[in-house]
């Protein structure tokens, strides 16, 4: 797969470490952020191919972060997945309206998450 770079942003240390470990074991270069500001800075510095973002984070939330990434000409083509506990239709619709490529709800299967990420990256 050749060192695909993935950004993971979640204010839950548990989710962040579990998802990061899963992708690191599979050979990905993982960038981790615990809030939206840090995620935006890492995205601009490293230009990952894909970002997995929590909806609710301190500072910049996942929807605003998605809009900021989509507005950046150098990052606009990045794949973006929201990983969130929000399951209501309005939140899902808001996520897709902001420009996400996929919306995955918590609790989630790490294996299914990885499969969906690899599909988005064209690796499956």
PDB file of N, CA and C in Angstrom:
ATOM      1  N   UNK A   1       0.821  -1.203   0.000  1.00  0.00           N
ATOM      2  CA  UNK A   1       0.000   0.000   0.000  1.00  0.00           C
ATOM      3  C   UNK A   1       0.855   1.252   0.000  1.00  0.00           C
ATOM      4  N   UNK A   2       2.114   1.162   0.361  1.00  0.00           N
ATOM      5  CA  UNK A   2       3.048   2.261   0.190  1.00  0.00           C
ATOM      6  C   UNK A   2       2.836   3.464   1.066  1.00  0.00           C
ATOM      7  N   UNK A   3       2.879   3.274   2.365  1.00  0.00           N
ATOM      8  CA  UNK A   3       2.852   4.373   3.325  1.00  0.00           C
ATOM      9  C   UNK A   3       1.796   5.442   3.043  1.00  0.00           C
ATOM     10  N   UNK A   4       0.558   5.018   2.963  1.00  0.00           N
ATOM     11  CA  UNK A   4      -0.527   5.981   2.859  1.00  0.00           C
ATOM     12  C   UNK A   4      -0.580   6.765   4.170  1.00  0.00           C
ATOM     13  N   UNK A   5      -0.807   8.060   4.060  1.00  0.00           N
ATOM     14  CA  UNK A   5      -0.870   8.914   5.225  1.00  0.00           C
ATOM     15  C   UNK A   5      -2.333   9.189   5.575  1.00  0.00           C
ATOM     16  N   UNK A   6      -2.678   8.975   6.858  1.00  0.00           N
ATOM     17  CA  UNK A   6      -4.044   9.169   7.339  1.00  0.00           C
ATOM     18  C   UNK A   6      -4.010  10.061   8.573  1.00  0.00           C
ATOM     19  N   UNK A   7      -4.919  11.029   8.621  1.00  0.00           N
ATOM     20  CA  UNK A   7      -5.079  11.896   9.777  1.00  0.00           C
ATOM     21  C   UNK A   7      -6.279  11.394  10.572  1.00  0.00           C
ATOM     22  N   UNK A   8      -6.099  11.219  11.876  1.00  0.00           N
ATOM     23  CA  UNK A   8      -7.192  10.807  12.745  1.00  0.00           C
ATOM     24  C   UNK A   8      -7.349  11.870  13.824  1.00  0.00           C
ATOM     25  N   UNK A   9      -8.548  12.448  13.923  1.00  0.00           N
ATOM     26  CA  UNK A   9      -8.807  13.492  14.913  1.00  0.00           C
ATOM     27  C   UNK A   9     -10.014  13.111  15.758  1.00  0.00           C
ATOM     28  N   UNK A  10      -9.785  12.961  17.049  1.00  0.00           N
ATOM     29  CA  UNK A  10     -10.859  12.609  17.975  1.00  0.00           C
ATOM     30  C   UNK A  10     -10.435  13.058  19.359  1.00  0.00           C
ATOM     31  N   UNK A  11     -11.352  13.674  20.123  1.00  0.00           N
ATOM     32  CA  UNK A  11     -10.981  14.121  21.463  1.00  0.00           C
ATOM     33  C   UNK A  11     -11.043  12.983  22.481  1.00  0.00           C
ATOM     34  N   UNK A  12     -11.490  11.805  22.067  1.00  0.00           N
ATOM     35  CA  UNK A  12     -11.468  10.635  22.950  1.00  0.00           C
ATOM     36  C   UNK A  12     -10.128   9.928  22.790  1.00  0.00           C
ATOM     37  N   UNK A  13      -9.364   9.885  23.869  1.00  0.00           N
ATOM     38  CA  UNK A  13      -8.048   9.232  23.836  1.00  0.00           C
ATOM     39  C   UNK A  13      -8.203   7.759  23.460  1.00  0.00           C
ATOM     40  N   UNK A  14      -9.265   7.129  23.949  1.00  0.00           N
ATOM     41  CA  UNK A  14      -9.509   5.716  23.663  1.00  0.00           C
ATOM     42  C   UNK A  14      -9.710   5.476  22.172  1.00  0.00           C
ATOM     43  N   UNK A  15     -10.605   6.246  21.567  1.00  0.00           N
ATOM     44  CA  UNK A  15     -10.873   6.082  20.132  1.00  0.00           C
ATOM     45  C   UNK A  15      -9.617   6.412  19.332  1.00  0.00           C
ATOM     46  N   UNK A  16      -8.958   7.503  19.682  1.00  0.00           N
ATOM     47  CA  UNK A  16      -7.762   7.930  18.959  1.00  0.00           C
ATOM     48  C   UNK A  16      -6.687   6.849  18.992  1.00  0.00           C
ATOM     49  N   UNK A  17      -6.431   6.277  20.167  1.00  0.00           N
ATOM     50  CA  UNK A  17      -5.374   5.269  20.257  1.00  0.00           C
ATOM     51  C   UNK A  17      -5.783   3.970  19.562  1.00  0.00           C
ATOM     52  N   UNK A  18      -7.053   3.574  19.676  1.00  0.00           N
ATOM     53  CA  UNK A  18      -7.505   2.331  19.056  1.00  0.00           C
ATOM     54  C   UNK A  18      -7.445   2.423  17.521  1.00  0.00           C
ATOM     55  N   UNK A  19      -7.954   3.514  16.974  1.00  0.00           N
ATOM     56  CA  UNK A  19      -7.969   3.670  15.515  1.00  0.00           C
ATOM     57  C   UNK A  19      -6.545   3.864  14.995  1.00  0.00           C
ATOM     58  N   UNK A  20      -5.750   4.660  15.688  1.00  0.00           N
ATOM     59  CA  UNK A  20      -4.357   4.870  15.271  1.00  0.00           C
ATOM     60  C   UNK A  20      -3.595   3.558  15.245  1.00  0.00           C
ATOM     61  N   UNK A  21      -3.724   2.770  16.321  1.00  0.00           N
ATOM     62  CA  UNK A  21      -3.006   1.496  16.396  1.00  0.00           C
ATOM     63  C   UNK A  21      -3.427   0.557  15.279  1.00  0.00           C
ATOM     64  N   UNK A  22      -4.702   0.524  14.980  1.00  0.00           N
ATOM     65  CA  UNK A  22      -5.220  -0.353  13.919  1.00  0.00           C
ATOM     66  C   UNK A  22      -4.548  -0.020  12.577  1.00  0.00           C
ATOM     67  N   UNK A  23      -4.507   1.255  12.241  1.00  0.00           N
ATOM     68  CA  UNK A  23      -3.956   1.644  10.941  1.00  0.00           C
ATOM     69  C   UNK A  23      -2.428   1.579  10.923  1.00  0.00           C
ATOM     70  N   UNK A  24      -1.784   1.873  12.044  1.00  0.00           N
ATOM     71  CA  UNK A  24      -0.322   1.744  12.101  1.00  0.00           C
ATOM     72  C   UNK A  24       0.093   0.290  11.892  1.00  0.00           C
ATOM     73  N   UNK A  25      -0.629  -0.646  12.524  1.00  0.00           N
ATOM     74  CA  UNK A  25      -0.323  -2.074  12.348  1.00  0.00           C
ATOM     75  C   UNK A  25      -0.491  -2.503  10.888  1.00  0.00           C
ATOM     76  N   UNK A  26      -1.357  -1.815  10.163  1.00  0.00           N
ATOM     77  CA  UNK A  26      -1.588  -2.153   8.755  1.00  0.00           C
ATOM     78  C   UNK A  26      -0.641  -1.418   7.812  1.00  0.00           C
ATOM     79  N   UNK A  27       0.310  -0.655   8.366  1.00  0.00           N
ATOM     80  CA  UNK A  27       1.331  -0.022   7.546  1.00  0.00           C
ATOM     81  C   UNK A  27       1.069   1.407   7.117  1.00  0.00           C
ATOM     82  N   UNK A  28       0.068   2.042   7.701  1.00  0.00           N
ATOM     83  CA  UNK A  28      -0.218   3.438   7.359  1.00  0.00           C
ATOM     84  C   UNK A  28       0.632   4.376   8.200  1.00  0.00           C
ATOM     85  N   UNK A  29       0.947   5.548   7.651  1.00  0.00           N
ATOM     86  CA  UNK A  29       1.539   6.627   8.431  1.00  0.00           C
ATOM     87  C   UNK A  29       0.363   7.369   9.066  1.00  0.00           C
ATOM     88  N   UNK A  30       0.287   7.360  10.391  1.00  0.00           N
ATOM     89  CA  UNK A  30      -0.859   7.945  11.082  1.00  0.00           C
ATOM     90  C   UNK A  30      -0.473   9.245  11.761  1.00  0.00           C
ATOM     91  N   UNK A  31      -1.268  10.279  11.507  1.00  0.00           N
ATOM     92  CA  UNK A  31      -1.144  11.567  12.178  1.00  0.00           C
ATOM     93  C   UNK A  31      -2.314  11.643  13.147  1.00  0.00           C
ATOM     94  N   UNK A  32      -2.063  11.944  14.417  1.00  0.00           N
ATOM     95  CA  UNK A  32      -3.124  11.970  15.422  1.00  0.00           C
ATOM     96  C   UNK A  32      -3.311  13.373  15.968  1.00  0.00           C
ATOM     97  N   UNK A  33      -4.576  13.764  16.131  1.00  0.00           N
ATOM     98  CA  UNK A  33      -4.901  15.069  16.706  1.00  0.00           C
ATOM     99  C   UNK A  33      -6.052  14.894  17.682  1.00  0.00           C
ATOM    100  N   UNK A  34      -6.018  15.643  18.779  1.00  0.00           N
ATOM    101  CA  UNK A  34      -7.081  15.539  19.771  1.00  0.00           C
ATOM    102  C   UNK A  34      -8.071  16.695  19.700  1.00  0.00           C
ATOM    103  N   UNK A  35      -7.850  17.625  18.758  1.00  0.00           N
ATOM    104  CA  UNK A  35      -8.816  18.705  18.551  1.00  0.00           C
ATOM    105  C   UNK A  35      -8.732  19.194  17.101  1.00  0.00           C
ATOM    106  N   UNK A  36      -9.692  20.001  16.719  1.00  0.00           N
ATOM    107  CA  UNK A  36      -9.800  20.456  15.338  1.00  0.00           C
ATOM    108  C   UNK A  36      -8.652  21.344  14.877  1.00  0.00           C
ATOM    109  N   UNK A  37      -8.175  22.222  15.767  1.00  0.00           N
ATOM    110  CA  UNK A  37      -7.075  23.112  15.381  1.00  0.00           C
ATOM    111  C   UNK A  37      -5.827  22.311  15.044  1.00  0.00           C
ATOM    112  N   UNK A  38      -5.507  21.348  15.911  1.00  0.00           N
ATOM    113  CA  UNK A  38      -4.338  20.514  15.682  1.00  0.00           C
ATOM    114  C   UNK A  38      -4.493  19.698  14.396  1.00  0.00           C
ATOM    115  N   UNK A  39      -5.697  19.200  14.158  1.00  0.00           N
ATOM    116  CA  UNK A  39      -5.968  18.423  12.941  1.00  0.00           C
ATOM    117  C   UNK A  39      -5.762  19.278  11.690  1.00  0.00           C
ATOM    118  N   UNK A  40      -6.240  20.508  11.715  1.00  0.00           N
ATOM    119  CA  UNK A  40      -6.087  21.401  10.565  1.00  0.00           C
ATOM    120  C   UNK A  40      -4.604  21.698  10.305  1.00  0.00           C
ATOM    121  N   UNK A  41      -3.856  21.950  11.383  1.00  0.00           N
ATOM    122  CA  UNK A  41      -2.420  22.220  11.244  1.00  0.00           C
ATOM    123  C   UNK A  41      -1.693  21.008  10.645  1.00  0.00           C
ATOM    124  N   UNK A  42      -1.994  19.806  11.164  1.00  0.00           N
ATOM    125  CA  UNK A  42      -1.354  18.590  10.652  1.00  0.00           C
ATOM    126  C   UNK A  42      -1.727  18.342   9.187  1.00  0.00           C
ATOM    127  N   UNK A  43      -2.977  18.591   8.846  1.00  0.00           N
ATOM    128  CA  UNK A  43      -3.414  18.390   7.457  1.00  0.00           C
ATOM    129  C   UNK A  43      -2.652  19.314   6.520  1.00  0.00           C
ATOM    130  N   UNK A  44      -2.491  20.562   6.926  1.00  0.00           N
ATOM    131  CA  UNK A  44      -1.778  21.522   6.068  1.00  0.00           C
ATOM    132  C   UNK A  44      -0.288  21.199   5.970  1.00  0.00           C
ATOM    133  N   UNK A  45       0.288  20.707   7.061  1.00  0.00           N
ATOM    134  CA  UNK A  45       1.716  20.367   7.060  1.00  0.00           C
ATOM    135  C   UNK A  45       2.020  19.098   6.281  1.00  0.00           C
ATOM    136  N   UNK A  46       1.195  18.073   6.445  1.00  0.00           N
ATOM    137  CA  UNK A  46       1.522  16.739   5.920  1.00  0.00           C
ATOM    138  C   UNK A  46       0.702  16.286   4.707  1.00  0.00           C
ATOM    139  N   UNK A  47      -0.416  16.963   4.452  1.00  0.00           N
ATOM    140  CA  UNK A  47      -1.293  16.625   3.325  1.00  0.00           C
ATOM    141  C   UNK A  47      -1.618  15.133   3.214  1.00  0.00           C
ATOM    142  N   UNK A  48      -2.279  14.578   4.230  1.00  0.00           N
ATOM    143  CA  UNK A  48      -2.645  13.157   4.160  1.00  0.00           C
ATOM    144  C   UNK A  48      -3.679  12.907   3.061  1.00  0.00           C
ATOM    145  N   UNK A  49      -3.782  11.670   2.625  1.00  0.00           N
ATOM    146  CA  UNK A  49      -4.774  11.312   1.598  1.00  0.00           C
ATOM    147  C   UNK A  49      -6.174  11.234   2.170  1.00  0.00           C
ATOM    148  N   UNK A  50      -6.254  10.979   3.500  1.00  0.00           N
ATOM    149  CA  UNK A  50      -7.562  10.769   4.103  1.00  0.00           C
ATOM    150  C   UNK A  50      -7.563  11.254   5.543  1.00  0.00           C
ATOM    151  N   UNK A  51      -8.717  11.759   5.983  1.00  0.00           N
ATOM    152  CA  UNK A  51      -8.888  12.177   7.374  1.00  0.00           C
ATOM    153  C   UNK A  51     -10.108  11.488   7.963  1.00  0.00           C
ATOM    154  N   UNK A  52      -9.952  10.974   9.186  1.00  0.00           N
ATOM    155  CA  UNK A  52     -11.055  10.410   9.957  1.00  0.00           C
ATOM    156  C   UNK A  52     -11.296  11.402  11.091  1.00  0.00           C
ATOM    157  N   UNK A  53     -12.457  12.046  11.085  1.00  0.00           N
ATOM    158  CA  UNK A  53     -12.715  13.128  12.021  1.00  0.00           C
ATOM    159  C   UNK A  53     -13.906  12.834  12.925  1.00  0.00           C
ATOM    160  N   UNK A  54     -13.747  13.161  14.198  1.00  0.00           N
ATOM    161  CA  UNK A  54     -14.868  13.116  15.129  1.00  0.00           C
ATOM    162  C   UNK A  54     -15.733  14.343  14.852  1.00  0.00           C
ATOM    163  N   UNK A  55     -17.028  14.224  15.087  1.00  0.00           N
ATOM    164  CA  UNK A  55     -17.918  15.363  14.871  1.00  0.00           C
ATOM    165  C   UNK A  55     -17.735  16.401  15.974  1.00  0.00           C
ATOM    166  N   UNK A  56     -17.761  15.943  17.224  1.00  0.00           N
ATOM    167  CA  UNK A  56     -17.652  16.869  18.356  1.00  0.00           C
ATOM    168  C   UNK A  56     -16.237  16.873  18.911  1.00  0.00           C
ATOM    169  N   UNK A  57     -15.559  17.993  18.695  1.00  0.00           N
ATOM    170  CA  UNK A  57     -14.209  18.188  19.241  1.00  0.00           C
ATOM    171  C   UNK A  57     -14.133  19.609  19.771  1.00  0.00           C
ATOM    172  N   UNK A  58     -13.225  19.867  20.717  1.00  0.00           N
ATOM    173  CA  UNK A  58     -13.054  21.237  21.204  1.00  0.00           C
ATOM    174  C   UNK A  58     -12.562  22.154  20.081  1.00  0.00           C
ATOM    175  N   UNK A  59     -12.961  23.412  20.146  1.00  0.00           N
ATOM    176  CA  UNK A  59     -12.512  24.379  19.141  1.00  0.00           C
ATOM    177  C   UNK A  59     -13.239  24.168  17.824  1.00  0.00           C
ATOM    178  N   UNK A  60     -12.517  23.701  16.830  1.00  0.00           N
ATOM    179  CA  UNK A  60     -13.103  23.448  15.510  1.00  0.00           C
ATOM    180  C   UNK A  60     -13.722  22.053  15.518  1.00  0.00           C
ATOM    181  N   UNK A  61     -15.039  21.970  15.285  1.00  0.00           N
ATOM    182  CA  UNK A  61     -15.672  20.650  15.265  1.00  0.00           C
ATOM    183  C   UNK A  61     -15.482  19.990  13.891  1.00  0.00           C
ATOM    184  N   UNK A  62     -15.912  18.750  13.781  1.00  0.00           N
ATOM    185  CA  UNK A  62     -15.697  17.984  12.554  1.00  0.00           C
ATOM    186  C   UNK A  62     -16.337  18.577  11.320  1.00  0.00           C
ATOM    187  N   UNK A  63     -17.532  19.187  11.465  1.00  0.00           N
ATOM    188  CA  UNK A  63     -18.190  19.795  10.303  1.00  0.00           C
ATOM    189  C   UNK A  63     -17.426  21.024   9.820  1.00  0.00           C
ATOM    190  N   UNK A  64     -17.054  21.889  10.760  1.00  0.00           N
ATOM    191  CA  UNK A  64     -16.304  23.093  10.372  1.00  0.00           C
ATOM    192  C   UNK A  64     -14.940  22.711   9.799  1.00  0.00           C
ATOM    193  N   UNK A  65     -14.306  21.716  10.398  1.00  0.00           N
ATOM    194  CA  UNK A  65     -13.014  21.250   9.905  1.00  0.00           C
ATOM    195  C   UNK A  65     -13.149  20.701   8.479  1.00  0.00           C
ATOM    196  N   UNK A  66     -14.206  19.950   8.233  1.00  0.00           N
ATOM    197  CA  UNK A  66     -14.455  19.435   6.877  1.00  0.00           C
ATOM    198  C   UNK A  66     -14.589  20.582   5.889  1.00  0.00           C
ATOM    199  N   UNK A  67     -15.363  21.603   6.249  1.00  0.00           N
ATOM    200  CA  UNK A  67     -15.542  22.759   5.342  1.00  0.00           C
ATOM    201  C   UNK A  67     -14.218  23.476   5.105  1.00  0.00           C
ATOM    202  N   UNK A  68     -13.397  23.625   6.154  1.00  0.00           N
ATOM    203  CA  UNK A  68     -12.091  24.280   6.007  1.00  0.00           C
ATOM    204  C   UNK A  68     -11.172  23.480   5.087  1.00  0.00           C
ATOM    205  N   UNK A  69     -11.168  22.157   5.253  1.00  0.00           N
ATOM    206  CA  UNK A  69     -10.325  21.303   4.402  1.00  0.00           C
ATOM    207  C   UNK A  69     -10.800  21.360   2.952  1.00  0.00           C
ATOM    208  N   UNK A  70     -12.106  21.337   2.750  1.00  0.00           N
ATOM    209  CA  UNK A  70     -12.655  21.379   1.386  1.00  0.00           C
ATOM    210  C   UNK A  70     -12.362  22.722   0.709  1.00  0.00           C
ATOM    211  N   UNK A  71     -12.270  23.790   1.495  1.00  0.00           N
ATOM    212  CA  UNK A  71     -12.021  25.118   0.934  1.00  0.00           C
ATOM    213  C   UNK A  71     -10.549  25.340   0.587  1.00  0.00           C
ATOM    214  N   UNK A  72      -9.662  24.515   1.112  1.00  0.00           N
ATOM    215  CA  UNK A  72      -8.225  24.659   0.870  1.00  0.00           C
ATOM    216  C   UNK A  72      -7.886  23.993  -0.466  1.00  0.00           C
ATOM    217  N   UNK A  73      -7.370  24.763  -1.441  1.00  0.00           N
ATOM    218  CA  UNK A  73      -7.091  24.189  -2.773  1.00  0.00           C
ATOM    219  C   UNK A  73      -6.115  23.013  -2.738  1.00  0.00           C
ATOM    220  N   UNK A  74      -5.212  22.992  -1.759  1.00  0.00           N
ATOM    221  CA  UNK A  74      -4.234  21.906  -1.691  1.00  0.00           C
ATOM    222  C   UNK A  74      -4.769  20.679  -0.968  1.00  0.00           C
ATOM    223  N   UNK A  75      -5.880  20.837  -0.254  1.00  0.00           N
ATOM    224  CA  UNK A  75      -6.424  19.730   0.535  1.00  0.00           C
ATOM    225  C   UNK A  75      -7.822  19.322   0.091  1.00  0.00           C
ATOM    226  N   UNK A  76      -8.379  20.043  -0.864  1.00  0.00           N
ATOM    227  CA  UNK A  76      -9.758  19.806  -1.284  1.00  0.00           C
ATOM    228  C   UNK A  76     -10.052  18.399  -1.764  1.00  0.00           C
ATOM    229  N   UNK A  77      -9.045  17.701  -2.292  1.00  0.00           N
ATOM    230  CA  UNK A  77      -9.254  16.352  -2.794  1.00  0.00           C
ATOM    231  C   UNK A  77      -9.070  15.259  -1.757  1.00  0.00           C
ATOM    232  N   UNK A  78      -8.734  15.645  -0.528  1.00  0.00           N
ATOM    233  CA  UNK A  78      -8.550  14.668   0.544  1.00  0.00           C
ATOM    234  C   UNK A  78      -9.867  13.948   0.819  1.00  0.00           C
ATOM    235  N   UNK A  79      -9.799  12.640   1.063  1.00  0.00           N
ATOM    236  CA  UNK A  79     -10.982  11.890   1.473  1.00  0.00           C
ATOM    237  C   UNK A  79     -11.244  12.197   2.945  1.00  0.00           C
ATOM    238  N   UNK A  80     -12.516  12.383   3.301  1.00  0.00           N
ATOM    239  CA  UNK A  80     -12.867  12.720   4.679  1.00  0.00           C
ATOM    240  C   UNK A  80     -13.999  11.809   5.160  1.00  0.00           C
ATOM    241  N   UNK A  81     -13.781  11.222   6.326  1.00  0.00           N
ATOM    242  CA  UNK A  81     -14.774  10.348   6.953  1.00  0.00           C
ATOM    243  C   UNK A  81     -15.098  10.912   8.332  1.00  0.00           C
ATOM    244  N   UNK A  82     -16.396  11.077   8.620  1.00  0.00           N
ATOM    245  CA  UNK A  82     -16.803  11.445   9.975  1.00  0.00           C
ATOM    246  C   UNK A  82     -17.044  10.166  10.753  1.00  0.00           C
ATOM    247  N   UNK A  83     -16.481  10.100  11.943  1.00  0.00           N
ATOM    248  CA  UNK A  83     -16.651   8.961  12.838  1.00  0.00           C
ATOM    249  C   UNK A  83     -17.265   9.532  14.109  1.00  0.00           C
ATOM    250  N   UNK A  84     -18.554   9.255  14.333  1.00  0.00           N
ATOM    251  CA  UNK A  84     -19.267   9.960  15.386  1.00  0.00           C
ATOM    252  C   UNK A  84     -20.363   9.124  16.029  1.00  0.00           C
ATOM    253  N   UNK A  85     -20.747   9.517  17.228  1.00  0.00           N
ATOM    254  CA  UNK A  85     -21.848   8.849  17.922  1.00  0.00           C
ATOM    255  C   UNK A  85     -23.197   9.387  17.457  1.00  0.00           C
ATOM    256  N   UNK A  86     -23.196  10.490  16.701  1.00  0.00           N
ATOM    257  CA  UNK A  86     -24.453  11.075  16.231  1.00  0.00           C
ATOM    258  C   UNK A  86     -25.023  10.251  15.080  1.00  0.00           C
ATOM    259  N   UNK A  87     -26.221   9.746  15.291  1.00  0.00           N
ATOM    260  CA  UNK A  87     -26.836   8.885  14.280  1.00  0.00           C
ATOM    261  C   UNK A  87     -28.083   9.499  13.655  1.00  0.00           C
ATOM    262  N   UNK A  88     -28.504  10.679  14.139  1.00  0.00           N
ATOM    263  CA  UNK A  88     -29.747  11.234  13.612  1.00  0.00           C
ATOM    264  C   UNK A  88     -29.560  11.745  12.184  1.00  0.00           C
ATOM    265  N   UNK A  89     -30.635  11.672  11.416  1.00  0.00           N
ATOM    266  CA  UNK A  89     -30.595  12.010   9.991  1.00  0.00           C
ATOM    267  C   UNK A  89     -30.077  13.424   9.730  1.00  0.00           C
ATOM    268  N   UNK A  90     -30.432  14.367  10.600  1.00  0.00           N
ATOM    269  CA  UNK A  90     -30.000  15.752  10.393  1.00  0.00           C
ATOM    270  C   UNK A  90     -28.477  15.867  10.475  1.00  0.00           C
ATOM    271  N   UNK A  91     -27.868  15.169  11.413  1.00  0.00           N
ATOM    272  CA  UNK A  91     -26.403  15.219  11.539  1.00  0.00           C
ATOM    273  C   UNK A  91     -25.735  14.533  10.358  1.00  0.00           C
ATOM    274  N   UNK A  92     -26.284  13.400   9.933  1.00  0.00           N
ATOM    275  CA  UNK A  92     -25.729  12.699   8.771  1.00  0.00           C
ATOM    276  C   UNK A  92     -25.816  13.607   7.545  1.00  0.00           C
ATOM    277  N   UNK A  93     -26.973  14.227   7.347  1.00  0.00           N
ATOM    278  CA  UNK A  93     -27.161  15.137   6.207  1.00  0.00           C
ATOM    279  C   UNK A  93     -26.201  16.317   6.287  1.00  0.00           C
ATOM    280  N   UNK A  94     -26.007  16.864   7.493  1.00  0.00           N
ATOM    281  CA  UNK A  94     -25.081  17.992   7.666  1.00  0.00           C
ATOM    282  C   UNK A  94     -23.659  17.570   7.320  1.00  0.00           C
ATOM    283  N   UNK A  95     -23.292  16.339   7.681  1.00  0.00           N
ATOM    284  CA  UNK A  95     -21.959  15.837   7.355  1.00  0.00           C
ATOM    285  C   UNK A  95     -21.738  15.761   5.852  1.00  0.00           C
ATOM    286  N   UNK A  96     -22.694  15.183   5.136  1.00  0.00           N
ATOM    287  CA  UNK A  96     -22.548  15.076   3.686  1.00  0.00           C
ATOM    288  C   UNK A  96     -22.625  16.449   3.023  1.00  0.00           C
ATOM    289  N   UNK A  97     -23.452  17.350   3.571  1.00  0.00           N
ATOM    290  CA  UNK A  97     -23.540  18.705   3.021  1.00  0.00           C
ATOM    291  C   UNK A  97     -22.214  19.444   3.187  1.00  0.00           C
ATOM    292  N   UNK A  98     -21.501  19.159   4.273  1.00  0.00           N
ATOM    293  CA  UNK A  98     -20.198  19.800   4.506  1.00  0.00           C
ATOM    294  C   UNK A  98     -19.124  19.231   3.588  1.00  0.00           C
ATOM    295  N   UNK A  99     -19.385  18.042   3.018  1.00  0.00           N
ATOM    296  CA  UNK A  99     -18.436  17.491   2.057  1.00  0.00           C
ATOM    297  C   UNK A  99     -17.757  16.199   2.446  1.00  0.00           C
ATOM    298  N   UNK A 100     -18.258  15.489   3.475  1.00  0.00           N
ATOM    299  CA  UNK A 100     -17.608  14.231   3.833  1.00  0.00           C
ATOM    300  C   UNK A 100     -17.861  13.166   2.773  1.00  0.00           C
ATOM    301  N   UNK A 101     -16.946  12.221   2.680  1.00  0.00           N
ATOM    302  CA  UNK A 101     -17.076  11.104   1.736  1.00  0.00           C
ATOM    303  C   UNK A 101     -17.814   9.929   2.354  1.00  0.00           C
ATOM    304  N   UNK A 102     -17.769   9.815   3.693  1.00  0.00           N
ATOM    305  CA  UNK A 102     -18.442   8.718   4.366  1.00  0.00           C
ATOM    306  C   UNK A 102     -18.745   9.156   5.790  1.00  0.00           C
ATOM    307  N   UNK A 103     -19.720   8.492   6.408  1.00  0.00           N
ATOM    308  CA  UNK A 103     -20.186   8.831   7.750  1.00  0.00           C
ATOM    309  C   UNK A 103     -20.334   7.517   8.492  1.00  0.00           C
ATOM    310  N   UNK A 104     -19.533   7.308   9.517  1.00  0.00           N
ATOM    311  CA  UNK A 104     -19.529   6.048  10.252  1.00  0.00           C
ATOM    312  C   UNK A 104     -19.891   6.341  11.705  1.00  0.00           C
ATOM    313  N   UNK A 105     -20.840   5.575  12.235  1.00  0.00           N
ATOM    314  CA  UNK A 105     -21.305   5.847  13.584  1.00  0.00           C
ATOM    315  C   UNK A 105     -20.632   4.946  14.616  1.00  0.00           C
ATOM    316  N   UNK A 106     -20.463   5.514  15.810  1.00  0.00           N
ATOM    317  CA  UNK A 106     -19.918   4.790  16.956  1.00  0.00           C
ATOM    318  C   UNK A 106     -21.095   4.155  17.689  1.00  0.00           C
ATOM    319  N   UNK A 107     -20.968   2.981  18.266  1.00  0.00           N
ATOM    320  CA  UNK A 107     -19.796   2.112  18.204  1.00  0.00           C
ATOM    321  C   UNK A 107     -19.605   1.547  16.800  1.00  0.00           C
ATOM    322  N   UNK A 108     -18.371   1.236  16.465  1.00  0.00           N
ATOM    323  CA  UNK A 108     -18.044   0.769  15.127  1.00  0.00           C
ATOM    324  C   UNK A 108     -17.109  -0.423  15.213  1.00  0.00           C
ATOM    325  N   UNK A 109     -17.048  -1.172  14.142  1.00  0.00           N
ATOM    326  CA  UNK A 109     -16.117  -2.290  14.053  1.00  0.00           C
ATOM    327  C   UNK A 109     -14.825  -1.775  13.431  1.00  0.00           C
ATOM    328  N   UNK A 110     -13.677  -1.895  14.118  1.00  0.00           N
ATOM    329  CA  UNK A 110     -12.410  -1.438  13.535  1.00  0.00           C
ATOM    330  C   UNK A 110     -12.128  -2.085  12.178  1.00  0.00           C
ATOM    331  N   UNK A 111     -12.520  -3.345  12.020  1.00  0.00           N
ATOM    332  CA  UNK A 111     -12.302  -4.021  10.742  1.00  0.00           C
ATOM    333  C   UNK A 111     -13.146  -3.386   9.633  1.00  0.00           C
ATOM    334  N   UNK A 112     -14.418  -3.104   9.932  1.00  0.00           N
ATOM    335  CA  UNK A 112     -15.278  -2.461   8.935  1.00  0.00           C
ATOM    336  C   UNK A 112     -14.776  -1.060   8.611  1.00  0.00           C
ATOM    337  N   UNK A 113     -14.312  -0.331   9.635  1.00  0.00           N
ATOM    338  CA  UNK A 113     -13.761   1.004   9.408  1.00  0.00           C
ATOM    339  C   UNK A 113     -12.592   0.917   8.441  1.00  0.00           C
ATOM    340  N   UNK A 114     -11.686  -0.006   8.681  1.00  0.00           N
ATOM    341  CA  UNK A 114     -10.528  -0.143   7.807  1.00  0.00           C
ATOM    342  C   UNK A 114     -10.947  -0.511   6.390  1.00  0.00           C
ATOM    343  N   UNK A 115     -11.923  -1.394   6.245  1.00  0.00           N
ATOM    344  CA  UNK A 115     -12.395  -1.776   4.907  1.00  0.00           C
ATOM    345  C   UNK A 115     -12.970  -0.581   4.172  1.00  0.00           C
ATOM    346  N   UNK A 116     -13.757   0.237   4.865  1.00  0.00           N
ATOM    347  CA  UNK A 116     -14.359   1.404   4.212  1.00  0.00           C
ATOM    348  C   UNK A 116     -13.303   2.442   3.852  1.00  0.00           C
ATOM    349  N   UNK A 117     -12.297   2.596   4.718  1.00  0.00           N
ATOM    350  CA  UNK A 117     -11.202   3.532   4.428  1.00  0.00           C
ATOM    351  C   UNK A 117     -10.430   3.053   3.194  1.00  0.00           C
ATOM    352  N   UNK A 118     -10.137   1.772   3.142  1.00  0.00           N
ATOM    353  CA  UNK A 118      -9.369   1.247   2.003  1.00  0.00           C
ATOM    354  C   UNK A 118     -10.179   1.320   0.712  1.00  0.00           C
ATOM    355  N   UNK A 119     -11.493   1.202   0.792  1.00  0.00           N
ATOM    356  CA  UNK A 119     -12.323   1.406  -0.395  1.00  0.00           C
ATOM    357  C   UNK A 119     -12.230   2.860  -0.875  1.00  0.00           C
ATOM    358  N   UNK A 120     -12.306   3.801   0.058  1.00  0.00           N
ATOM    359  CA  UNK A 120     -12.206   5.213  -0.304  1.00  0.00           C
ATOM    360  C   UNK A 120     -10.854   5.544  -0.929  1.00  0.00           C
ATOM    361  N   UNK A 121      -9.816   4.881  -0.472  1.00  0.00           N
ATOM    362  CA  UNK A 121      -8.466   5.132  -1.000  1.00  0.00           C
ATOM    363  C   UNK A 121      -8.196   4.331  -2.285  1.00  0.00           C
ATOM    364  N   UNK A 122      -9.169   3.523  -2.698  1.00  0.00           N
ATOM    365  CA  UNK A 122      -9.007   2.739  -3.901  1.00  0.00           C
ATOM    366  C   UNK A 122      -8.084   1.563  -3.719  1.00  0.00           C
ATOM    367  N   UNK A 123      -7.964   1.073  -2.481  1.00  0.00           N
ATOM    368  CA  UNK A 123      -7.065  -0.032  -2.188  1.00  0.00           C
ATOM    369  C   UNK A 123      -7.795  -1.371  -2.137  1.00  0.00           C
ATOM    370  N   UNK A 124      -9.108  -1.370  -2.355  1.00  0.00           N
ATOM    371  CA  UNK A 124      -9.907  -2.610  -2.350  1.00  0.00           C
ATOM    372  C   UNK A 124     -10.689  -2.707  -3.620  1.00  0.00           C
TER     373      UNK A 124
END
